[in-house]
Amino acid sequence: MNFTNLQTLAIAALVVYFGMYLKKKISFIDRYNLPAPVIGGFIFALAVSVLKSYDFVELKFLKNYEESLMIAFFASIGYSASLRLLKEGGKLVLIFLALAVGGLLLQVGAGLGVAKVLGEHPLMGILTGPIALTGGPGTALAFAPLIEAKGVEGASIIGLTAAMGGILIGGLLGNPIATYLIRKHRLKDEVTSQNIKKSEELILKAYPGKDIIVTILALCFIMGIGTTLSSWINDLGVTLPVYIGSMVIAAIVRNIEDVKPIFRINPDWIEEIGGVALTLFIATAIMTLRLEELRHAALPLIMFLVTQALFVALVALGPSFRLTGKDYEASVISAGYVGFMMGTSANAMANMSSLVQKYGPSPKAFLVVPLVGSCFIDFINAAIITLFINLF
């Protein structure tokens, strides 16, 4: 049975709705912030595999729009790389950014080390480290074709499974670490209303309301120029994901807009559009996966994830806590660090939200962690991943 592009898109939308329904009905899925398109997509892919294995029916999908959805998402990530916001966040943002970059390099080193011990391809370590963990499901699926071309079979399903495992571990590990720090050092919430007001003012400055139509038009412009840039760079012999050019152009446009608004783009709408694009991209990519490719990589995958979780936990307990102030807010930031270094920014926010509901507000953490975790680290991560793909 064959499906057209629009029919595939319609099925992807239903898969997302199904994932949302399961999140509402199953507390485990909601508690650990497992993405709806991933849950729905996995179940759909499993059903398709079963139908195929019993020779009942084979489903084939056209998905020519998949690349455009991926580019739209990563362009939205590039547009969030505002140097003005980085400056407004102060010294703590720079410190946390340095911690995140250090964590990325540690993930690369740990992944390469485990790959060597297990006799796996070096890029297996990159795939199950910075790509799947700090990058998340979207980055894993975006880079999978390049990793497969370099010799890692089943990179899509391996990367996606590593990303899912990382999300689970990040949700399970972040808050116990922060709770341990709070209790050990007898930390208390010392936030004043002035701190809260200042944090809110910074957030409001970052996201003024503007016209959605103008924003969509500007995003189309960014994607068009960006893909042209990627094509030029690839012609120079550099292996590069197609979305990198759009990330770069989006970041340039954002910082021009911060100085002198030309397009008057709304960062809020860019983020929302990017989120919709990512949701459909992930749903489409997962529901067409060949799950049988995973069985040969199960044991190595566990080894990679356990090693990475150990290093992230050590950084959260030590450098992250100490360098961000050794106070209550530092403990909340450490929980956020675990969340996005092992999973996604949504993980980080879920970890921190759970803590502040119990121990009190932490405005610095809610300013610093999203700013680094949802934009700057993704930009740097893409550059590091691309470097290592070209090295191997």
Protein backbone atom coordinates (compact mmCIF):
# COMPACT_ATOMS: atom_id res chain seq x y z
CA MET A 1 0.00 0.00 0.00
CA ASN A 2 1.48 3.33 -1.09
CA PHE A 3 0.86 6.73 0.47
CA THR A 4 1.40 10.14 -1.15
CA ASN A 5 3.25 13.00 0.53
CA LEU A 6 0.07 14.59 1.86
CA GLN A 7 -1.32 11.25 3.02
CA THR A 8 1.94 10.58 4.85
CA LEU A 9 1.70 14.01 6.48
CA ALA A 10 -1.87 13.25 7.55
CA ILE A 11 -0.78 9.95 9.12
CA ALA A 12 2.09 11.75 10.89
CA ALA A 13 -0.42 14.19 12.37
CA LEU A 14 -2.56 11.30 13.63
CA VAL A 15 0.53 9.65 15.09
CA VAL A 16 1.28 12.86 17.06
CA TYR A 17 -2.32 13.08 18.30
CA PHE A 18 -2.08 9.46 19.42
CA GLY A 19 1.15 10.20 21.28
CA MET A 20 -0.51 13.18 23.01
CA TYR A 21 -3.42 10.97 24.02
CA LEU A 22 -1.07 8.40 25.55
CA LYS A 23 0.77 11.14 27.48
CA LYS A 24 -2.53 12.17 29.08
CA LYS A 25 -3.54 8.61 29.91
CA ILE A 26 -0.21 7.10 31.02
CA SER A 27 1.45 8.97 33.87
CA PHE A 28 4.88 7.40 33.26
CA ILE A 29 5.09 8.93 29.78
CA ASP A 30 4.06 12.35 31.03
CA ARG A 31 6.25 12.24 34.15
CA TYR A 32 9.44 11.70 32.18
CA ASN A 33 8.45 14.07 29.39
CA LEU A 34 8.71 11.55 26.56
CA PRO A 35 7.88 13.39 23.29
CA ALA A 36 4.45 12.63 21.84
CA PRO A 37 5.69 12.14 18.23
CA VAL A 38 8.33 9.68 19.47
CA ILE A 39 5.86 7.59 21.48
CA GLY A 40 3.20 7.58 18.77
CA GLY A 41 5.78 7.03 16.02
CA PHE A 42 7.39 4.06 17.77
CA ILE A 43 4.04 2.31 18.28
CA PHE A 44 3.06 2.93 14.66
CA ALA A 45 6.46 1.67 13.40
CA LEU A 46 6.10 -1.44 15.55
CA ALA A 47 2.64 -2.13 14.13
CA VAL A 48 3.95 -1.67 10.56
CA SER A 49 6.84 -4.06 11.26
CA VAL A 50 4.47 -6.72 12.61
CA LEU A 51 2.17 -6.41 9.60
CA LYS A 52 5.14 -6.73 7.27
CA SER A 53 6.71 -9.69 9.12
CA TYR A 54 3.47 -11.71 8.78
CA ASP A 55 3.17 -10.75 5.08
CA PHE A 56 -0.16 -9.11 5.77
CA VAL A 57 0.57 -5.78 4.13
CA GLU A 58 3.59 -3.58 3.40
CA LEU A 59 3.17 0.17 3.75
CA LYS A 60 5.28 2.58 1.71
CA PHE A 61 5.40 6.33 2.37
CA LEU A 62 6.45 9.30 0.28
CA LYS A 63 7.98 12.02 2.48
CA ASN A 64 9.59 14.57 0.20
CA TYR A 65 8.71 17.39 2.60
CA GLU A 66 10.71 15.81 5.47
CA GLU A 67 13.90 17.73 4.69
CA SER A 68 12.05 21.07 4.60
CA LEU A 69 10.56 20.39 8.03
CA MET A 70 14.00 19.59 9.41
CA ILE A 71 15.49 22.77 7.93
CA ALA A 72 12.65 24.88 9.37
CA PHE A 73 13.29 23.51 12.85
CA PHE A 74 17.04 24.08 12.79
CA ALA A 75 16.55 27.56 11.33
CA SER A 76 14.40 28.34 14.40
CA ILE A 77 17.26 27.09 16.59
CA GLY A 78 19.72 29.33 14.74
CA TYR A 79 17.44 32.32 15.19
CA SER A 80 17.53 31.89 18.96
CA ALA A 81 21.32 32.50 19.02
CA SER A 82 21.10 36.12 20.11
CA LEU A 83 24.32 37.67 21.36
CA ARG A 84 22.29 40.41 23.04
CA LEU A 85 20.41 37.84 25.12
CA LEU A 86 23.68 36.16 25.96
CA LYS A 87 25.00 39.47 27.25
CA GLU A 88 21.81 40.24 29.18
CA GLY A 89 22.01 36.87 30.89
CA GLY A 90 25.27 37.99 32.49
CA LYS A 91 28.28 36.09 33.71
CA LEU A 92 26.26 33.10 34.87
CA VAL A 93 25.07 32.38 31.31
CA LEU A 94 28.67 32.39 30.06
CA ILE A 95 29.74 30.07 32.88
CA PHE A 96 26.89 27.67 32.18
CA LEU A 97 27.59 27.80 28.45
CA ALA A 98 31.23 26.89 29.14
CA LEU A 99 30.03 23.98 31.31
CA ALA A 100 27.76 22.79 28.52
CA VAL A 101 30.53 22.96 25.92
CA GLY A 102 32.85 21.12 28.28
CA GLY A 103 30.13 18.51 28.76
CA LEU A 104 29.83 18.15 25.00
CA LEU A 105 33.55 17.50 24.63
CA LEU A 106 33.35 15.02 27.49
CA GLN A 107 30.52 13.22 25.68
CA VAL A 108 32.67 13.03 22.56
CA GLY A 109 35.64 11.64 24.50
CA ALA A 110 33.53 9.12 26.45
CA GLY A 111 31.74 7.98 23.30
CA LEU A 112 34.96 7.48 21.35
CA GLY A 113 36.49 5.63 24.32
CA VAL A 114 33.58 3.20 24.69
CA ALA A 115 33.48 2.67 20.91
CA LYS A 116 37.15 1.70 20.93
CA VAL A 117 36.72 -0.70 23.87
CA LEU A 118 33.70 -2.38 22.23
CA GLY A 119 35.30 -2.47 18.78
CA GLU A 120 32.57 -0.28 17.28
CA HIS A 121 32.89 2.39 14.60
CA PRO A 122 34.12 5.67 16.22
CA LEU A 123 31.05 7.50 14.91
CA MET A 124 28.90 5.13 16.98
CA GLY A 125 30.31 6.99 19.98
CA ILE A 126 29.42 10.35 18.47
CA LEU A 127 25.94 9.14 17.51
CA THR A 128 25.10 7.86 21.01
CA GLY A 129 26.78 10.85 22.68
CA PRO A 130 26.44 14.48 21.54
CA ILE A 131 24.15 13.69 18.61
CA ALA A 132 21.47 11.69 20.45
CA LEU A 133 21.86 13.05 23.99
CA THR A 134 22.61 16.78 23.86
CA GLY A 135 21.12 16.93 20.38
CA GLY A 136 17.97 14.93 21.09
CA PRO A 137 15.70 12.94 18.74
CA GLY A 138 15.58 15.62 16.03
CA THR A 139 19.37 15.90 15.77
CA ALA A 140 19.76 12.11 15.84
CA LEU A 141 17.41 11.71 12.90
CA ALA A 142 18.95 14.64 11.02
CA PHE A 143 22.51 13.31 11.24
CA ALA A 144 21.64 9.62 10.80
CA PRO A 145 21.98 9.58 6.98
CA LEU A 146 25.51 11.04 7.22
CA ILE A 147 26.47 8.53 9.93
CA GLU A 148 25.08 5.62 7.90
CA ALA A 149 27.03 6.80 4.86
CA LYS A 150 30.20 6.58 6.96
CA GLY A 151 29.56 2.92 7.84
CA VAL A 152 27.25 2.76 10.89
CA GLU A 153 24.31 0.54 9.92
CA GLY A 154 20.90 1.38 11.36
CA ALA A 155 22.05 4.81 12.56
CA SER A 156 18.51 6.20 12.56
CA ILE A 157 17.04 3.65 14.95
CA ILE A 158 20.19 3.49 17.10
CA GLY A 159 20.36 7.27 17.43
CA LEU A 160 16.68 7.58 18.17
CA THR A 161 16.76 4.82 20.80
CA ALA A 162 19.80 6.44 22.43
CA ALA A 163 17.92 9.75 22.50
CA MET A 164 14.90 8.10 24.12
CA GLY A 165 17.12 6.37 26.67
CA GLY A 166 18.82 9.68 27.41
CA ILE A 167 15.48 11.43 27.98
CA LEU A 168 14.48 8.73 30.46
CA ILE A 169 17.82 8.84 32.29
CA GLY A 170 17.83 12.64 32.34
CA GLY A 171 14.38 12.64 33.92
CA LEU A 172 15.29 9.98 36.46
CA LEU A 173 18.72 11.35 37.39
CA GLY A 174 18.40 15.15 37.47
CA ASN A 175 16.19 15.71 40.50
CA PRO A 176 17.81 13.12 42.80
CA ILE A 177 21.16 14.84 42.19
CA ALA A 178 19.72 18.28 42.96
CA THR A 179 17.90 16.96 46.03
CA TYR A 180 21.14 15.43 47.30
CA LEU A 181 22.93 18.77 46.88
CA ILE A 182 20.13 20.69 48.61
CA ARG A 183 20.09 18.35 51.59
CA LYS A 184 23.86 17.90 51.89
CA HIS A 185 24.56 21.65 51.87
CA ARG A 186 21.30 22.58 53.66
CA LEU A 187 20.37 25.02 50.93
CA LYS A 188 17.38 27.32 51.07
CA ASP A 189 15.54 29.51 48.58
CA GLU A 190 16.81 33.07 49.00
CA VAL A 191 15.08 34.61 46.01
CA THR A 192 13.67 38.13 46.43
CA SER A 193 10.79 39.71 44.54
CA GLN A 194 13.33 42.03 42.94
CA ASN A 195 15.18 39.07 41.44
CA ILE A 196 11.95 37.67 40.07
CA LYS A 197 10.95 41.00 38.54
CA LYS A 198 14.35 41.41 36.89
CA SER A 199 14.16 37.92 35.40
CA GLU A 200 10.68 38.57 34.04
CA GLU A 201 11.83 41.84 32.47
CA LEU A 202 14.67 40.05 30.66
CA ILE A 203 12.29 37.40 29.34
CA LEU A 204 9.82 40.04 28.13
CA LYS A 205 12.63 41.90 26.35
CA ALA A 206 13.58 38.69 24.60
CA TYR A 207 10.13 37.94 23.20
CA PRO A 208 8.20 40.96 21.94
CA GLY A 209 5.02 40.29 19.97
CA LYS A 210 5.07 40.82 16.20
CA ASP A 211 3.21 39.75 13.07
CA ILE A 212 3.12 36.00 12.38
CA ILE A 213 2.84 36.46 8.60
CA VAL A 214 6.01 38.55 8.49
CA THR A 215 7.70 35.90 10.63
CA ILE A 216 6.73 33.06 8.27
CA LEU A 217 7.91 35.03 5.23
CA ALA A 218 11.23 35.79 6.92
CA LEU A 219 11.69 32.13 7.86
CA CYS A 220 11.14 31.10 4.23
CA PHE A 221 13.77 33.65 3.17
CA ILE A 222 16.23 32.32 5.77
CA MET A 223 15.68 28.71 4.67
CA GLY A 224 16.18 29.55 0.99
CA ILE A 225 19.40 31.49 1.49
CA GLY A 226 20.60 28.95 4.07
CA THR A 227 20.23 25.91 1.82
CA THR A 228 22.13 27.79 -0.89
CA LEU A 229 24.96 28.41 1.58
CA SER A 230 25.01 24.72 2.57
CA SER A 231 25.23 23.73 -1.09
CA TRP A 232 28.21 26.04 -1.64
CA ILE A 233 30.01 24.63 1.40
CA ASN A 234 29.38 21.04 0.31
CA ASP A 235 30.83 21.88 -3.11
CA LEU A 236 34.07 22.69 -1.29
CA GLY A 237 34.28 19.05 -0.16
CA VAL A 238 33.06 19.55 3.43
CA THR A 239 30.46 17.02 4.63
CA LEU A 240 27.70 19.14 6.08
CA PRO A 241 24.05 18.54 7.04
CA VAL A 242 21.78 20.52 4.76
CA TYR A 243 20.31 22.53 7.63
CA ILE A 244 23.60 24.07 8.86
CA GLY A 245 23.47 26.91 6.33
CA SER A 246 20.00 27.88 7.51
CA MET A 247 21.15 27.89 11.14
CA VAL A 248 24.01 30.23 10.26
CA ILE A 249 21.84 32.60 8.21
CA ALA A 250 19.16 32.61 10.93
CA ALA A 251 21.74 33.54 13.58
CA ILE A 252 23.08 36.37 11.39
CA VAL A 253 19.57 37.70 10.72
CA ARG A 254 18.69 37.50 14.44
CA ASN A 255 21.67 39.55 15.52
CA ILE A 256 21.03 42.14 12.80
CA GLU A 257 17.40 42.33 13.96
CA ASP A 258 18.55 42.87 17.54
CA VAL A 259 20.54 45.93 16.44
CA LYS A 260 18.23 47.35 13.75
CA PRO A 261 14.90 45.58 13.08
CA ILE A 262 14.34 45.07 9.36
CA PHE A 263 11.95 42.11 9.05
CA ARG A 264 10.52 42.63 12.56
CA ILE A 265 10.49 38.91 13.25
CA ASN A 266 8.83 37.56 16.38
CA PRO A 267 11.21 35.08 18.11
CA ASP A 268 8.20 33.51 19.86
CA TRP A 269 6.56 32.65 16.54
CA ILE A 270 9.84 31.38 15.09
CA GLU A 271 10.11 29.01 18.06
CA GLU A 272 6.49 27.85 17.70
CA ILE A 273 6.83 27.22 13.95
CA GLY A 274 10.08 25.37 14.54
CA GLY A 275 8.39 23.25 17.20
CA VAL A 276 5.58 22.25 14.83
CA ALA A 277 8.10 21.41 12.10
CA LEU A 278 10.15 19.28 14.50
CA THR A 279 7.05 17.43 15.72
CA LEU A 280 5.99 16.44 12.20
CA PHE A 281 9.57 15.66 11.15
CA ILE A 282 10.12 13.31 14.09
CA ALA A 283 6.73 11.62 13.67
CA THR A 284 7.35 11.01 9.96
CA ALA A 285 10.90 9.77 10.47
CA ILE A 286 10.04 7.40 13.32
CA MET A 287 6.91 5.86 11.89
CA THR A 288 8.91 4.76 8.79
CA LEU A 289 11.86 3.26 10.75
CA ARG A 290 12.89 -0.38 10.39
CA LEU A 291 12.88 -1.47 14.02
CA GLU A 292 14.50 -4.82 13.27
CA GLU A 293 17.81 -2.98 12.77
CA LEU A 294 18.04 -2.30 16.53
CA ARG A 295 18.46 -5.83 17.89
CA HIS A 296 22.17 -6.13 17.03
CA ALA A 297 23.08 -2.87 18.78
CA ALA A 298 21.20 -3.29 22.07
CA LEU A 299 24.13 -4.24 24.34
CA PRO A 300 26.60 -1.62 23.02
CA LEU A 301 23.85 0.98 23.30
CA ILE A 302 23.39 0.24 27.01
CA MET A 303 27.15 0.57 27.57
CA PHE A 304 27.24 3.95 25.81
CA LEU A 305 24.29 5.31 27.78
CA VAL A 306 25.54 4.14 31.19
CA THR A 307 28.96 5.70 30.58
CA GLN A 308 27.51 9.00 29.41
CA ALA A 309 25.09 9.16 32.34
CA LEU A 310 27.94 8.65 34.78
CA PHE A 311 29.98 11.53 33.37
CA VAL A 312 26.98 13.89 33.23
CA ALA A 313 26.15 13.08 36.87
CA LEU A 314 29.74 13.79 37.96
CA VAL A 315 29.74 17.17 36.20
CA ALA A 316 26.38 18.08 37.75
CA LEU A 317 27.56 17.15 41.25
CA GLY A 318 30.90 18.91 40.91
CA PRO A 319 31.73 21.64 38.37
CA SER A 320 28.13 22.62 37.54
CA PHE A 321 27.12 23.11 41.17
CA ARG A 322 30.34 24.82 42.28
CA LEU A 323 30.85 27.16 39.32
CA THR A 324 27.25 28.42 39.29
CA GLY A 325 27.31 29.55 42.92
CA LYS A 326 27.12 26.56 45.30
CA ASP A 327 23.68 27.78 46.44
CA TYR A 328 20.06 26.69 46.02
CA GLU A 329 19.82 28.07 42.50
CA ALA A 330 23.03 26.23 41.58
CA SER A 331 21.39 22.95 42.59
CA VAL A 332 18.38 23.70 40.38
CA ILE A 333 20.71 24.60 37.51
CA SER A 334 22.49 21.24 38.00
CA ALA A 335 19.16 19.44 37.60
CA GLY A 336 18.59 21.40 34.39
CA TYR A 337 22.11 20.54 33.21
CA VAL A 338 21.40 16.82 33.56
CA GLY A 339 18.07 17.25 31.78
CA PHE A 340 19.34 18.78 28.56
CA MET A 341 22.76 17.09 28.44
CA MET A 342 21.03 13.70 28.55
CA GLY A 343 17.83 14.65 26.76
CA THR A 344 16.16 17.88 25.70
CA SER A 345 15.50 21.38 26.99
CA ALA A 346 11.98 20.19 27.83
CA ASN A 347 13.60 17.63 30.15
CA ALA A 348 15.60 20.37 31.83
CA MET A 349 12.50 22.51 32.35
CA ALA A 350 10.54 19.54 33.73
CA ASN A 351 13.34 18.74 36.19
CA MET A 352 13.58 22.32 37.42
CA SER A 353 9.82 22.83 37.60
CA SER A 354 9.48 19.80 39.84
CA LEU A 355 12.18 21.13 42.18
CA VAL A 356 10.83 24.67 42.51
CA GLN A 357 7.35 23.38 43.28
CA LYS A 358 8.82 21.68 46.34
CA TYR A 359 11.67 23.99 47.42
CA GLY A 360 10.78 27.44 46.07
CA PRO A 361 11.39 29.69 43.02
CA SER A 362 14.68 29.87 41.12
CA PRO A 363 14.47 32.68 38.51
CA LYS A 364 18.17 32.56 37.59
CA ALA A 365 17.92 28.89 36.69
CA PHE A 366 14.86 29.51 34.52
CA LEU A 367 16.70 32.29 32.68
CA VAL A 368 20.10 30.63 32.27
CA VAL A 369 19.25 27.00 31.45
CA PRO A 370 16.69 27.61 28.66
CA LEU A 371 18.88 30.30 27.10
CA VAL A 372 21.85 27.96 26.84
CA GLY A 373 19.99 24.67 26.45
CA SER A 374 17.58 25.69 23.70
CA CYS A 375 19.83 27.69 21.41
CA PHE A 376 23.55 28.25 21.96
CA ILE A 377 24.48 24.68 22.83
CA ASP A 378 22.61 23.31 19.80
CA PHE A 379 24.54 25.65 17.55
CA ILE A 380 27.89 24.61 19.03
CA ASN A 381 26.89 20.95 19.11
CA ALA A 382 26.14 20.96 15.38
CA ALA A 383 29.59 22.40 14.68
CA ILE A 384 31.35 19.81 16.87
CA ILE A 385 29.40 16.91 15.35
CA THR A 386 30.13 18.10 11.81
CA LEU A 387 33.84 18.38 12.64
CA PHE A 388 34.04 14.78 13.86
CA ILE A 389 31.99 13.40 10.97
CA ASN A 390 34.49 14.95 8.59
CA LEU A 391 37.43 13.62 10.65
CA PHE A 392 36.15 10.04 10.38
